[in-house]
Amino acid sequence: MNSQIISLSPKQSAAKDFINLVNQATASQVRRALYVGTARGSAVRSRRHLKALAERGVIRRLPYKLSGFQRGPGEYVYTPVDSKARIPNLHTLDVTELAVRLTEQPARPVEFWPEPWCHDIWGGVSLKPDAYIKVGKRHFFLEVDYESEYASALSAKMNTYSRAYHNMDGGSFPQIVFTCHNSERKAFIDREARKKSVPGLFVVTLFDEALDHFVQGS
């Protein structure tokens, strides 16, 4: 395996590293994040590289195509070689999608660290967001909501963030951005956020509007 990894081209190595970072990525997400050139040319090169990496055991391709993700055609999903995943995880792919969209905006430098790389201690409190994002001078914790949490669980999560914020001894604390896929859920999360004591600490956006929030004023 080591000799295979050493022999990777720079672009193949970048594709492997990206997939290892985000944990799951569709073929088109890898292409958009890393490849430049014409649409046809970048699609051919990325497809050839991903196929070779999977055949050599550097990454793993899930055994069937994911249809309809982000309203696109069916495509394969790739994971790190040691991943135990057997099917695509839409939550993880949404986190990856936001990472890709941030790389596609060239105006500001971006740092994007998904879980578990972003799990850390803030103010003596263990925080496990879906991602830590830095755009320019602003930074954020990302929570991609899939309507799986009731009000009590959502409130408990917000209380954990609030406790970390209040325990901070200097320094700036990231804004917590919740994203969701429909207006009803957005209103639900908004109601819980308004109950907290720190105005502006929590922001709720629709998924397709999240990029605008991250880049505005950064």
N, C-alpha and C. Protein backbone atom coordinates (compact mmCIF):
# COMPACT_ATOMS: atom_id res chain seq x y z
N MET A 1 0.82 -1.21 0.00
CA MET A 1 0.00 0.00 0.00
C MET A 1 0.85 1.25 0.00
N ASN A 2 1.98 1.26 0.76
CA ASN A 2 2.81 2.45 0.82
C ASN A 2 3.38 2.80 -0.55
N SER A 3 3.82 1.77 -1.29
CA SER A 3 4.37 2.04 -2.61
C SER A 3 3.32 2.58 -3.54
N GLN A 4 2.06 2.13 -3.39
CA GLN A 4 0.99 2.65 -4.21
C GLN A 4 0.75 4.13 -3.90
N ILE A 5 0.73 4.48 -2.63
CA ILE A 5 0.45 5.86 -2.25
C ILE A 5 1.57 6.77 -2.73
N ILE A 6 2.83 6.31 -2.60
CA ILE A 6 3.97 7.13 -3.03
C ILE A 6 3.89 7.40 -4.52
N SER A 7 3.36 6.46 -5.29
CA SER A 7 3.35 6.60 -6.74
C SER A 7 2.18 7.43 -7.26
N LEU A 8 1.35 7.96 -6.38
CA LEU A 8 0.21 8.74 -6.84
C LEU A 8 0.66 10.05 -7.46
N SER A 9 -0.08 10.48 -8.48
CA SER A 9 0.15 11.81 -9.04
C SER A 9 -0.33 12.86 -8.06
N PRO A 10 0.08 14.12 -8.20
CA PRO A 10 -0.40 15.17 -7.29
C PRO A 10 -1.92 15.27 -7.25
N LYS A 11 -2.59 15.15 -8.38
CA LYS A 11 -4.05 15.25 -8.39
C LYS A 11 -4.70 14.03 -7.75
N GLN A 12 -4.15 12.86 -8.00
CA GLN A 12 -4.67 11.66 -7.35
C GLN A 12 -4.49 11.75 -5.84
N SER A 13 -3.35 12.24 -5.41
CA SER A 13 -3.10 12.39 -3.98
C SER A 13 -4.07 13.39 -3.37
N ALA A 14 -4.35 14.49 -4.09
CA ALA A 14 -5.30 15.48 -3.60
C ALA A 14 -6.70 14.88 -3.48
N ALA A 15 -7.10 14.05 -4.45
CA ALA A 15 -8.41 13.41 -4.39
C ALA A 15 -8.51 12.48 -3.18
N LYS A 16 -7.46 11.69 -2.96
CA LYS A 16 -7.43 10.80 -1.80
C LYS A 16 -7.54 11.60 -0.50
N ASP A 17 -6.76 12.68 -0.39
CA ASP A 17 -6.76 13.48 0.83
C ASP A 17 -8.12 14.14 1.07
N PHE A 18 -8.75 14.60 -0.01
CA PHE A 18 -10.07 15.24 0.13
C PHE A 18 -11.09 14.23 0.64
N ILE A 19 -11.10 13.04 0.07
CA ILE A 19 -12.06 12.01 0.50
C ILE A 19 -11.79 11.59 1.94
N ASN A 20 -10.52 11.47 2.31
CA ASN A 20 -10.19 11.13 3.69
C ASN A 20 -10.64 12.23 4.65
N LEU A 21 -10.58 13.48 4.22
CA LEU A 21 -10.99 14.60 5.07
C LEU A 21 -12.49 14.60 5.30
N VAL A 22 -13.28 14.49 4.22
CA VAL A 22 -14.74 14.68 4.35
C VAL A 22 -15.48 13.38 4.64
N ASN A 23 -14.83 12.24 4.45
CA ASN A 23 -15.37 10.91 4.78
C ASN A 23 -16.27 10.33 3.69
N GLN A 24 -17.09 11.13 3.03
CA GLN A 24 -17.83 10.67 1.86
C GLN A 24 -17.92 11.84 0.88
N ALA A 25 -17.79 11.51 -0.41
CA ALA A 25 -17.92 12.53 -1.45
C ALA A 25 -18.40 11.86 -2.73
N THR A 26 -19.30 12.51 -3.43
CA THR A 26 -19.71 12.00 -4.73
C THR A 26 -18.63 12.31 -5.75
N ALA A 27 -18.71 11.63 -6.88
CA ALA A 27 -17.74 11.86 -7.95
C ALA A 27 -17.74 13.33 -8.38
N SER A 28 -18.93 13.92 -8.50
CA SER A 28 -18.99 15.31 -8.95
C SER A 28 -18.47 16.27 -7.89
N GLN A 29 -18.63 15.95 -6.62
CA GLN A 29 -18.09 16.81 -5.58
C GLN A 29 -16.56 16.83 -5.62
N VAL A 30 -15.95 15.66 -5.82
CA VAL A 30 -14.50 15.61 -5.95
C VAL A 30 -14.06 16.43 -7.16
N ARG A 31 -14.76 16.28 -8.26
CA ARG A 31 -14.39 17.02 -9.48
C ARG A 31 -14.49 18.52 -9.26
N ARG A 32 -15.59 18.98 -8.68
CA ARG A 32 -15.78 20.42 -8.48
C ARG A 32 -14.77 21.00 -7.50
N ALA A 33 -14.37 20.21 -6.51
CA ALA A 33 -13.44 20.71 -5.49
C ALA A 33 -12.01 20.81 -6.00
N LEU A 34 -11.63 19.94 -6.95
CA LEU A 34 -10.20 19.79 -7.25
C LEU A 34 -9.81 20.01 -8.71
N TYR A 35 -10.73 19.87 -9.64
CA TYR A 35 -10.34 19.85 -11.05
C TYR A 35 -10.76 21.13 -11.75
N VAL A 36 -9.90 21.57 -12.65
CA VAL A 36 -10.19 22.76 -13.45
C VAL A 36 -10.11 22.37 -14.92
N GLY A 37 -10.60 23.27 -15.77
CA GLY A 37 -10.61 23.01 -17.20
C GLY A 37 -12.03 22.94 -17.71
N THR A 38 -12.19 22.43 -18.92
CA THR A 38 -13.52 22.30 -19.48
C THR A 38 -14.33 21.27 -18.71
N ALA A 39 -15.64 21.38 -18.80
CA ALA A 39 -16.50 20.44 -18.08
C ALA A 39 -16.21 19.01 -18.52
N ARG A 40 -16.07 18.80 -19.82
CA ARG A 40 -15.80 17.45 -20.32
C ARG A 40 -14.43 16.96 -19.88
N GLY A 41 -13.43 17.82 -20.02
CA GLY A 41 -12.07 17.41 -19.69
C GLY A 41 -11.90 17.09 -18.22
N SER A 42 -12.46 17.94 -17.34
CA SER A 42 -12.32 17.69 -15.90
C SER A 42 -13.10 16.44 -15.49
N ALA A 43 -14.26 16.20 -16.15
CA ALA A 43 -15.05 15.01 -15.83
C ALA A 43 -14.29 13.74 -16.22
N VAL A 44 -13.66 13.76 -17.38
CA VAL A 44 -12.91 12.57 -17.85
C VAL A 44 -11.72 12.31 -16.93
N ARG A 45 -10.97 13.35 -16.58
CA ARG A 45 -9.78 13.16 -15.75
C ARG A 45 -10.14 12.70 -14.34
N SER A 46 -11.16 13.34 -13.75
CA SER A 46 -11.54 12.96 -12.39
C SER A 46 -12.09 11.54 -12.35
N ARG A 47 -12.88 11.18 -13.36
CA ARG A 47 -13.44 9.82 -13.40
C ARG A 47 -12.32 8.79 -13.54
N ARG A 48 -11.34 9.07 -14.37
CA ARG A 48 -10.22 8.14 -14.55
C ARG A 48 -9.41 8.00 -13.27
N HIS A 49 -9.16 9.12 -12.59
CA HIS A 49 -8.38 9.08 -11.36
C HIS A 49 -9.12 8.33 -10.26
N LEU A 50 -10.42 8.59 -10.08
CA LEU A 50 -11.18 7.93 -9.03
C LEU A 50 -11.27 6.43 -9.27
N LYS A 51 -11.45 6.05 -10.52
CA LYS A 51 -11.52 4.63 -10.86
C LYS A 51 -10.19 3.95 -10.52
N ALA A 52 -9.07 4.59 -10.87
CA ALA A 52 -7.76 4.00 -10.59
C ALA A 52 -7.50 3.91 -9.09
N LEU A 53 -7.87 4.96 -8.35
CA LEU A 53 -7.65 4.95 -6.91
C LEU A 53 -8.46 3.84 -6.23
N ALA A 54 -9.70 3.66 -6.68
CA ALA A 54 -10.53 2.60 -6.11
C ALA A 54 -9.98 1.22 -6.46
N GLU A 55 -9.54 1.03 -7.67
CA GLU A 55 -9.02 -0.27 -8.09
C GLU A 55 -7.73 -0.62 -7.36
N ARG A 56 -6.97 0.39 -6.97
CA ARG A 56 -5.71 0.15 -6.27
C ARG A 56 -5.89 0.09 -4.76
N GLY A 57 -7.12 0.25 -4.29
CA GLY A 57 -7.39 0.14 -2.87
C GLY A 57 -6.96 1.35 -2.06
N VAL A 58 -6.82 2.51 -2.71
CA VAL A 58 -6.44 3.73 -2.00
C VAL A 58 -7.67 4.42 -1.41
N ILE A 59 -8.80 4.33 -2.10
CA ILE A 59 -10.10 4.77 -1.61
C ILE A 59 -11.08 3.64 -1.89
N ARG A 60 -12.31 3.79 -1.41
CA ARG A 60 -13.32 2.75 -1.63
C ARG A 60 -14.54 3.37 -2.28
N ARG A 61 -15.06 2.69 -3.27
CA ARG A 61 -16.28 3.14 -3.94
C ARG A 61 -17.45 2.34 -3.42
N LEU A 62 -18.50 3.02 -2.97
CA LEU A 62 -19.69 2.31 -2.51
C LEU A 62 -20.33 1.59 -3.69
N PRO A 63 -20.98 0.46 -3.44
CA PRO A 63 -21.28 -0.49 -4.52
C PRO A 63 -22.46 -0.15 -5.42
N TYR A 64 -23.07 1.01 -5.26
CA TYR A 64 -24.12 1.36 -6.20
C TYR A 64 -24.18 2.87 -6.34
N LYS A 65 -24.81 3.33 -7.41
CA LYS A 65 -24.86 4.76 -7.67
C LYS A 65 -25.97 5.42 -6.85
N LEU A 66 -25.66 6.62 -6.40
CA LEU A 66 -26.64 7.43 -5.67
C LEU A 66 -27.38 8.28 -6.67
N SER A 67 -28.68 8.11 -6.78
CA SER A 67 -29.47 8.83 -7.78
C SER A 67 -30.14 10.04 -7.16
N GLY A 68 -30.08 11.14 -7.89
CA GLY A 68 -30.86 12.30 -7.52
C GLY A 68 -30.26 13.20 -6.48
N PHE A 69 -29.04 12.93 -5.96
CA PHE A 69 -28.45 13.81 -4.96
C PHE A 69 -28.19 15.17 -5.58
N GLN A 70 -28.62 16.24 -4.89
CA GLN A 70 -28.50 17.60 -5.40
C GLN A 70 -29.10 17.72 -6.81
N ARG A 71 -30.15 16.95 -7.06
CA ARG A 71 -30.89 17.00 -8.31
C ARG A 71 -30.03 16.62 -9.52
N GLY A 72 -28.96 15.89 -9.28
CA GLY A 72 -28.08 15.50 -10.37
C GLY A 72 -28.33 14.06 -10.80
N PRO A 73 -27.61 13.60 -11.83
CA PRO A 73 -27.76 12.21 -12.27
C PRO A 73 -27.14 11.25 -11.26
N GLY A 74 -27.41 9.97 -11.45
CA GLY A 74 -26.82 8.98 -10.56
C GLY A 74 -25.30 9.00 -10.65
N GLU A 75 -24.64 8.86 -9.51
CA GLU A 75 -23.18 8.89 -9.50
C GLU A 75 -22.67 8.10 -8.30
N TYR A 76 -21.42 7.70 -8.38
CA TYR A 76 -20.82 6.93 -7.30
C TYR A 76 -20.42 7.83 -6.14
N VAL A 77 -20.38 7.22 -4.96
CA VAL A 77 -19.90 7.89 -3.74
C VAL A 77 -18.64 7.18 -3.30
N TYR A 78 -17.64 7.96 -2.90
CA TYR A 78 -16.34 7.43 -2.50
C TYR A 78 -16.09 7.71 -1.03
N THR A 79 -15.41 6.78 -0.36
CA THR A 79 -15.11 6.90 1.05
C THR A 79 -13.64 6.52 1.28
N PRO A 80 -13.08 6.84 2.46
CA PRO A 80 -11.74 6.33 2.78
C PRO A 80 -11.73 4.81 2.76
N VAL A 81 -10.58 4.24 2.51
CA VAL A 81 -10.49 2.80 2.34
C VAL A 81 -10.87 2.05 3.62
N ASP A 82 -10.66 2.67 4.79
CA ASP A 82 -10.98 1.99 6.04
C ASP A 82 -12.38 2.32 6.57
N SER A 83 -13.17 3.03 5.78
CA SER A 83 -14.53 3.36 6.21
C SER A 83 -15.39 2.09 6.29
N LYS A 84 -16.27 2.05 7.28
CA LYS A 84 -17.18 0.91 7.44
C LYS A 84 -18.53 1.17 6.75
N ALA A 85 -18.67 2.33 6.11
CA ALA A 85 -19.95 2.68 5.48
C ALA A 85 -20.29 1.70 4.37
N ARG A 86 -21.57 1.35 4.29
CA ARG A 86 -22.03 0.47 3.22
C ARG A 86 -22.96 1.20 2.25
N ILE A 87 -23.52 2.33 2.70
CA ILE A 87 -24.41 3.11 1.85
C ILE A 87 -24.05 4.59 1.98
N PRO A 88 -24.46 5.43 1.02
CA PRO A 88 -24.21 6.86 1.14
C PRO A 88 -24.94 7.45 2.34
N ASN A 89 -24.31 8.42 2.99
CA ASN A 89 -24.89 9.13 4.12
C ASN A 89 -25.21 10.54 3.65
N LEU A 90 -26.50 10.86 3.52
CA LEU A 90 -26.90 12.16 2.96
C LEU A 90 -26.47 13.31 3.84
N HIS A 91 -26.46 13.10 5.15
CA HIS A 91 -25.99 14.15 6.06
C HIS A 91 -24.52 14.47 5.79
N THR A 92 -23.69 13.44 5.71
CA THR A 92 -22.27 13.64 5.44
C THR A 92 -22.07 14.29 4.08
N LEU A 93 -22.84 13.88 3.07
CA LEU A 93 -22.71 14.45 1.74
C LEU A 93 -23.14 15.91 1.70
N ASP A 94 -24.09 16.30 2.56
CA ASP A 94 -24.45 17.71 2.65
C ASP A 94 -23.30 18.53 3.23
N VAL A 95 -22.63 18.00 4.25
CA VAL A 95 -21.47 18.69 4.81
C VAL A 95 -20.39 18.83 3.74
N THR A 96 -20.15 17.77 2.99
CA THR A 96 -19.19 17.83 1.89
C THR A 96 -19.60 18.86 0.85
N GLU A 97 -20.89 18.93 0.56
CA GLU A 97 -21.38 19.88 -0.44
C GLU A 97 -21.09 21.32 -0.03
N LEU A 98 -21.27 21.63 1.25
CA LEU A 98 -20.95 22.98 1.70
C LEU A 98 -19.45 23.26 1.61
N ALA A 99 -18.63 22.25 1.89
CA ALA A 99 -17.19 22.42 1.72
C ALA A 99 -16.85 22.74 0.27
N VAL A 100 -17.47 22.02 -0.66
CA VAL A 100 -17.21 22.24 -2.08
C VAL A 100 -17.67 23.63 -2.50
N ARG A 101 -18.84 24.04 -2.07
CA ARG A 101 -19.35 25.37 -2.44
C ARG A 101 -18.43 26.48 -1.92
N LEU A 102 -17.86 26.28 -0.75
CA LEU A 102 -16.93 27.27 -0.22
C LEU A 102 -15.65 27.32 -1.05
N THR A 103 -15.18 26.17 -1.52
CA THR A 103 -13.98 26.18 -2.36
C THR A 103 -14.25 26.82 -3.71
N GLU A 104 -15.51 26.78 -4.15
CA GLU A 104 -15.85 27.34 -5.47
C GLU A 104 -15.93 28.86 -5.46
N GLN A 105 -16.02 29.47 -4.26
CA GLN A 105 -16.02 30.94 -4.21
C GLN A 105 -14.57 31.39 -3.99
N PRO A 106 -14.01 32.14 -4.94
CA PRO A 106 -12.58 32.46 -4.88
C PRO A 106 -12.24 33.72 -4.12
N ALA A 107 -13.24 34.42 -3.58
CA ALA A 107 -13.00 35.77 -3.06
C ALA A 107 -12.25 35.77 -1.74
N ARG A 108 -12.46 34.77 -0.89
CA ARG A 108 -11.89 34.80 0.46
C ARG A 108 -11.24 33.47 0.81
N PRO A 109 -10.15 33.52 1.59
CA PRO A 109 -9.53 32.26 2.03
C PRO A 109 -10.46 31.49 2.95
N VAL A 110 -10.45 30.18 2.84
CA VAL A 110 -11.38 29.32 3.57
C VAL A 110 -10.62 28.21 4.28
N GLU A 111 -11.03 27.94 5.52
CA GLU A 111 -10.64 26.71 6.21
C GLU A 111 -11.92 25.93 6.48
N PHE A 112 -11.89 24.63 6.25
CA PHE A 112 -13.07 23.79 6.46
C PHE A 112 -12.60 22.48 7.07
N TRP A 113 -13.05 22.22 8.30
CA TRP A 113 -12.68 21.00 9.00
C TRP A 113 -13.94 20.28 9.45
N PRO A 114 -14.33 19.22 8.76
CA PRO A 114 -15.52 18.46 9.18
C PRO A 114 -15.20 17.57 10.36
N GLU A 115 -16.26 16.93 10.90
CA GLU A 115 -16.02 15.99 11.99
C GLU A 115 -15.30 14.75 11.43
N PRO A 116 -14.48 14.10 12.20
CA PRO A 116 -14.17 14.36 13.61
C PRO A 116 -13.03 15.35 13.82
N TRP A 117 -12.48 15.88 12.72
CA TRP A 117 -11.31 16.75 12.83
C TRP A 117 -11.62 18.04 13.59
N CYS A 118 -12.89 18.45 13.61
CA CYS A 118 -13.25 19.72 14.25
C CYS A 118 -13.67 19.55 15.70
N HIS A 119 -13.76 18.34 16.20
CA HIS A 119 -14.17 18.13 17.59
C HIS A 119 -13.07 18.63 18.52
N ASP A 120 -13.46 19.46 19.50
CA ASP A 120 -12.44 20.09 20.34
C ASP A 120 -13.09 20.59 21.63
N ILE A 121 -12.24 21.10 22.52
CA ILE A 121 -12.68 21.66 23.80
C ILE A 121 -12.68 23.18 23.69
N TRP A 122 -13.82 23.80 23.96
CA TRP A 122 -13.95 25.25 23.98
C TRP A 122 -14.53 25.65 25.33
N GLY A 123 -13.85 26.53 26.04
CA GLY A 123 -14.34 26.95 27.35
C GLY A 123 -14.51 25.78 28.30
N GLY A 124 -13.68 24.75 28.17
CA GLY A 124 -13.79 23.57 29.02
C GLY A 124 -14.92 22.64 28.65
N VAL A 125 -15.58 22.88 27.53
CA VAL A 125 -16.73 22.08 27.10
C VAL A 125 -16.38 21.36 25.81
N SER A 126 -16.67 20.07 25.74
CA SER A 126 -16.43 19.30 24.54
C SER A 126 -17.52 19.61 23.50
N LEU A 127 -17.10 20.09 22.34
CA LEU A 127 -18.05 20.42 21.28
C LEU A 127 -17.79 19.53 20.07
N LYS A 128 -18.88 19.06 19.46
CA LYS A 128 -18.78 18.16 18.32
C LYS A 128 -19.69 18.63 17.18
N PRO A 129 -19.35 19.77 16.59
CA PRO A 129 -20.15 20.26 15.45
C PRO A 129 -19.94 19.38 14.23
N ASP A 130 -20.75 19.61 13.21
CA ASP A 130 -20.55 18.90 11.95
C ASP A 130 -19.32 19.41 11.20
N ALA A 131 -18.96 20.68 11.43
CA ALA A 131 -17.76 21.24 10.80
C ALA A 131 -17.39 22.54 11.50
N TYR A 132 -16.12 22.87 11.42
CA TYR A 132 -15.62 24.19 11.81
C TYR A 132 -15.19 24.88 10.53
N ILE A 133 -15.65 26.12 10.35
CA ILE A 133 -15.42 26.86 9.12
C ILE A 133 -14.82 28.22 9.46
N LYS A 134 -13.80 28.61 8.73
CA LYS A 134 -13.25 29.95 8.85
C LYS A 134 -13.21 30.57 7.47
N VAL A 135 -13.83 31.74 7.34
CA VAL A 135 -13.86 32.46 6.07
C VAL A 135 -13.37 33.87 6.35
N GLY A 136 -12.22 34.22 5.83
CA GLY A 136 -11.65 35.51 6.17
C GLY A 136 -11.36 35.58 7.66
N LYS A 137 -11.91 36.59 8.33
CA LYS A 137 -11.68 36.76 9.76
C LYS A 137 -12.81 36.20 10.61
N ARG A 138 -13.87 35.68 9.98
CA ARG A 138 -15.01 35.14 10.73
C ARG A 138 -14.91 33.63 10.80
N HIS A 139 -15.43 33.06 11.90
CA HIS A 139 -15.43 31.61 12.00
C HIS A 139 -16.75 31.11 12.57
N PHE A 140 -17.03 29.86 12.25
CA PHE A 140 -18.36 29.30 12.49
C PHE A 140 -18.25 27.83 12.90
N PHE A 141 -19.27 27.39 13.66
CA PHE A 141 -19.56 25.97 13.81
C PHE A 141 -20.77 25.67 12.92
N LEU A 142 -20.70 24.59 12.19
CA LEU A 142 -21.79 24.19 11.30
C LEU A 142 -22.56 23.03 11.89
N GLU A 143 -23.89 23.15 11.86
CA GLU A 143 -24.79 22.06 12.22
C GLU A 143 -25.75 21.85 11.05
N VAL A 144 -25.62 20.72 10.37
CA VAL A 144 -26.52 20.40 9.26
C VAL A 144 -27.68 19.59 9.82
N ASP A 145 -28.85 20.17 9.80
CA ASP A 145 -30.03 19.58 10.45
C ASP A 145 -30.78 18.68 9.47
N TYR A 146 -31.14 17.48 9.92
CA TYR A 146 -31.92 16.56 9.12
C TYR A 146 -33.23 16.18 9.80
N GLU A 147 -33.76 17.09 10.59
CA GLU A 147 -35.06 16.92 11.24
C GLU A 147 -35.10 15.67 12.11
N SER A 148 -33.97 15.30 12.66
CA SER A 148 -33.91 14.08 13.47
C SER A 148 -33.98 14.38 14.97
N GLU A 149 -33.98 15.66 15.35
CA GLU A 149 -33.94 16.00 16.76
C GLU A 149 -35.22 16.73 17.17
N TYR A 150 -35.79 16.31 18.30
CA TYR A 150 -36.94 17.02 18.86
C TYR A 150 -36.46 18.28 19.57
N ALA A 151 -37.41 19.08 20.04
CA ALA A 151 -37.07 20.35 20.66
C ALA A 151 -36.14 20.17 21.86
N SER A 152 -36.37 19.15 22.66
CA SER A 152 -35.54 18.95 23.85
C SER A 152 -34.09 18.68 23.48
N ALA A 153 -33.87 17.83 22.49
CA ALA A 153 -32.49 17.51 22.08
C ALA A 153 -31.84 18.71 21.42
N LEU A 154 -32.60 19.44 20.61
CA LEU A 154 -32.07 20.64 19.97
C LEU A 154 -31.70 21.69 21.00
N SER A 155 -32.56 21.88 22.00
CA SER A 155 -32.28 22.85 23.06
C SER A 155 -31.05 22.45 23.86
N ALA A 156 -30.90 21.16 24.14
CA ALA A 156 -29.73 20.68 24.88
C ALA A 156 -28.45 20.94 24.10
N LYS A 157 -28.49 20.75 22.79
CA LYS A 157 -27.31 21.02 21.96
C LYS A 157 -26.97 22.51 22.02
N MET A 158 -27.98 23.37 21.90
CA MET A 158 -27.73 24.81 21.97
C MET A 158 -27.21 25.22 23.34
N ASN A 159 -27.73 24.59 24.38
CA ASN A 159 -27.25 24.90 25.74
C ASN A 159 -25.77 24.54 25.90
N THR A 160 -25.34 23.46 25.27
CA THR A 160 -23.93 23.08 25.34
C THR A 160 -23.07 24.15 24.68
N TYR A 161 -23.49 24.62 23.51
CA TYR A 161 -22.75 25.71 22.87
C TYR A 161 -22.76 26.97 23.73
N SER A 162 -23.91 27.31 24.31
CA SER A 162 -24.01 28.51 25.14
C SER A 162 -23.09 28.41 26.36
N ARG A 163 -23.02 27.22 26.95
CA ARG A 163 -22.15 27.04 28.12
C ARG A 163 -20.69 27.24 27.73
N ALA A 164 -20.29 26.71 26.58
CA ALA A 164 -18.92 26.90 26.12
C ALA A 164 -18.63 28.38 25.86
N TYR A 165 -19.59 29.07 25.27
CA TYR A 165 -19.43 30.51 25.00
C TYR A 165 -19.23 31.28 26.30
N HIS A 166 -20.05 31.04 27.28
CA HIS A 166 -19.97 31.78 28.54
C HIS A 166 -18.71 31.42 29.34
N ASN A 167 -18.16 30.23 29.12
CA ASN A 167 -16.97 29.81 29.84
C ASN A 167 -15.67 30.32 29.21
N MET A 168 -15.76 30.89 28.01
CA MET A 168 -14.55 31.34 27.33
C MET A 168 -13.88 32.46 28.12
N ASP A 169 -12.56 32.37 28.23
CA ASP A 169 -11.77 33.39 28.91
C ASP A 169 -10.93 34.12 27.87
N GLY A 170 -11.59 35.00 27.12
CA GLY A 170 -10.92 35.71 26.04
C GLY A 170 -11.02 34.96 24.73
N GLY A 171 -10.65 35.64 23.67
CA GLY A 171 -10.74 35.05 22.34
C GLY A 171 -12.15 35.16 21.77
N SER A 172 -12.27 34.89 20.49
CA SER A 172 -13.59 34.97 19.85
C SER A 172 -14.18 33.58 19.74
N PHE A 173 -15.47 33.50 19.89
CA PHE A 173 -16.18 32.22 19.83
C PHE A 173 -16.90 32.14 18.49
N PRO A 174 -16.85 31.00 17.81
CA PRO A 174 -17.51 30.88 16.50
C PRO A 174 -19.03 31.06 16.61
N GLN A 175 -19.60 31.65 15.59
CA GLN A 175 -21.06 31.68 15.48
C GLN A 175 -21.54 30.30 15.07
N ILE A 176 -22.66 29.86 15.62
CA ILE A 176 -23.19 28.53 15.30
C ILE A 176 -24.26 28.68 14.23
N VAL A 177 -24.04 28.05 13.09
CA VAL A 177 -24.95 28.15 11.96
C VAL A 177 -25.64 26.81 11.75
N PHE A 178 -26.94 26.81 11.91
CA PHE A 178 -27.76 25.64 11.60
C PHE A 178 -28.30 25.79 10.18
N THR A 179 -28.19 24.74 9.39
CA THR A 179 -28.79 24.74 8.06
C THR A 179 -29.83 23.63 8.00
N CYS A 180 -30.87 23.86 7.23
CA CYS A 180 -31.93 22.85 7.07
C CYS A 180 -32.52 23.00 5.67
N HIS A 181 -33.45 22.11 5.33
CA HIS A 181 -33.90 22.03 3.94
C HIS A 181 -35.33 22.52 3.71
N ASN A 182 -36.01 23.00 4.71
CA ASN A 182 -37.35 23.54 4.46
C ASN A 182 -37.68 24.64 5.46
N SER A 183 -38.62 25.50 5.08
CA SER A 183 -38.94 26.69 5.87
C SER A 183 -39.58 26.34 7.20
N GLU A 184 -40.37 25.26 7.25
CA GLU A 184 -41.01 24.87 8.50
C GLU A 184 -39.97 24.49 9.54
N ARG A 185 -38.99 23.70 9.13
CA ARG A 185 -37.95 23.31 10.07
C ARG A 185 -37.10 24.52 10.48
N LYS A 186 -36.85 25.42 9.54
CA LYS A 186 -36.10 26.63 9.86
C LYS A 186 -36.81 27.43 10.95
N ALA A 187 -38.13 27.57 10.83
CA ALA A 187 -38.90 28.31 11.83
C ALA A 187 -38.83 27.60 13.19
N PHE A 188 -38.85 26.28 13.17
CA PHE A 188 -38.77 25.49 14.40
C PHE A 188 -37.44 25.73 15.12
N ILE A 189 -36.33 25.66 14.37
CA ILE A 189 -35.01 25.88 14.98
C ILE A 189 -34.87 27.33 15.43
N ASP A 190 -35.41 28.25 14.65
CA ASP A 190 -35.38 29.68 15.01
C ASP A 190 -36.04 29.91 16.37
N ARG A 191 -37.16 29.26 16.59
CA ARG A 191 -37.87 29.44 17.86
C ARG A 191 -37.01 28.99 19.03
N GLU A 192 -36.31 27.87 18.88
CA GLU A 192 -35.43 27.40 19.95
C GLU A 192 -34.25 28.35 20.14
N ALA A 193 -33.70 28.86 19.05
CA ALA A 193 -32.55 29.76 19.14
C ALA A 193 -32.91 31.05 19.86
N ARG A 194 -34.13 31.56 19.64
CA ARG A 194 -34.54 32.83 20.26
C ARG A 194 -34.71 32.70 21.77
N LYS A 195 -34.83 31.47 22.26
CA LYS A 195 -34.96 31.27 23.70
C LYS A 195 -33.62 31.40 24.43
N LYS A 196 -32.54 31.41 23.69
CA LYS A 196 -31.21 31.44 24.31
C LYS A 196 -30.83 32.89 24.63
N SER A 197 -29.85 33.02 25.53
CA SER A 197 -29.57 34.34 26.12
C SER A 197 -28.52 35.15 25.35
N VAL A 198 -27.98 34.61 24.28
CA VAL A 198 -26.92 35.32 23.56
C VAL A 198 -27.41 35.68 22.16
N PRO A 199 -27.88 36.89 21.93
CA PRO A 199 -28.35 37.28 20.60
C PRO A 199 -27.24 37.15 19.56
N GLY A 200 -27.59 36.53 18.44
CA GLY A 200 -26.64 36.41 17.34
C GLY A 200 -25.71 35.22 17.43
N LEU A 201 -25.72 34.50 18.55
CA LEU A 201 -24.84 33.34 18.66
C LEU A 201 -25.28 32.23 17.71
N PHE A 202 -26.61 32.07 17.56
CA PHE A 202 -27.16 31.05 16.68
C PHE A 202 -27.82 31.71 15.47
N VAL A 203 -27.52 31.16 14.30
CA VAL A 203 -28.14 31.62 13.06
C VAL A 203 -28.70 30.40 12.35
N VAL A 204 -29.88 30.55 11.75
CA VAL A 204 -30.50 29.44 11.03
C VAL A 204 -30.71 29.85 9.59
N THR A 205 -30.23 29.03 8.66
CA THR A 205 -30.40 29.33 7.24
C THR A 205 -30.93 28.09 6.52
N LEU A 206 -31.58 28.32 5.40
CA LEU A 206 -31.86 27.21 4.49
C LEU A 206 -30.54 26.76 3.87
N PHE A 207 -30.47 25.50 3.53
CA PHE A 207 -29.20 24.93 3.04
C PHE A 207 -28.65 25.70 1.86
N ASP A 208 -29.50 26.02 0.90
CA ASP A 208 -29.02 26.70 -0.30
C ASP A 208 -28.68 28.17 -0.07
N GLU A 209 -28.95 28.69 1.13
CA GLU A 209 -28.61 30.07 1.45
C GLU A 209 -27.41 30.17 2.40
N ALA A 210 -26.90 29.02 2.84
CA ALA A 210 -25.84 29.02 3.84
C ALA A 210 -24.55 29.66 3.31
N LEU A 211 -24.21 29.41 2.07
CA LEU A 211 -22.97 29.96 1.52
C LEU A 211 -22.97 31.48 1.61
N ASP A 212 -24.10 32.12 1.30
CA ASP A 212 -24.19 33.57 1.37
C ASP A 212 -23.88 34.06 2.77
N HIS A 213 -24.37 33.36 3.79
CA HIS A 213 -24.10 33.79 5.15
C HIS A 213 -22.61 33.67 5.50
N PHE A 214 -21.99 32.60 5.06
CA PHE A 214 -20.58 32.39 5.39
C PHE A 214 -19.66 33.44 4.75
N VAL A 215 -19.98 33.85 3.53
CA VAL A 215 -19.05 34.72 2.81
C VAL A 215 -19.36 36.21 2.96
N GLN A 216 -20.57 36.56 3.36
CA GLN A 216 -20.90 37.98 3.45
C GLN A 216 -20.12 38.63 4.59
N GLY A 217 -19.42 39.70 4.28
CA GLY A 217 -18.72 40.46 5.30
C GLY A 217 -17.49 39.80 5.86
N SER A 218 -17.10 38.64 5.32
CA SER A 218 -15.92 37.96 5.87
C SER A 218 -14.63 38.60 5.33
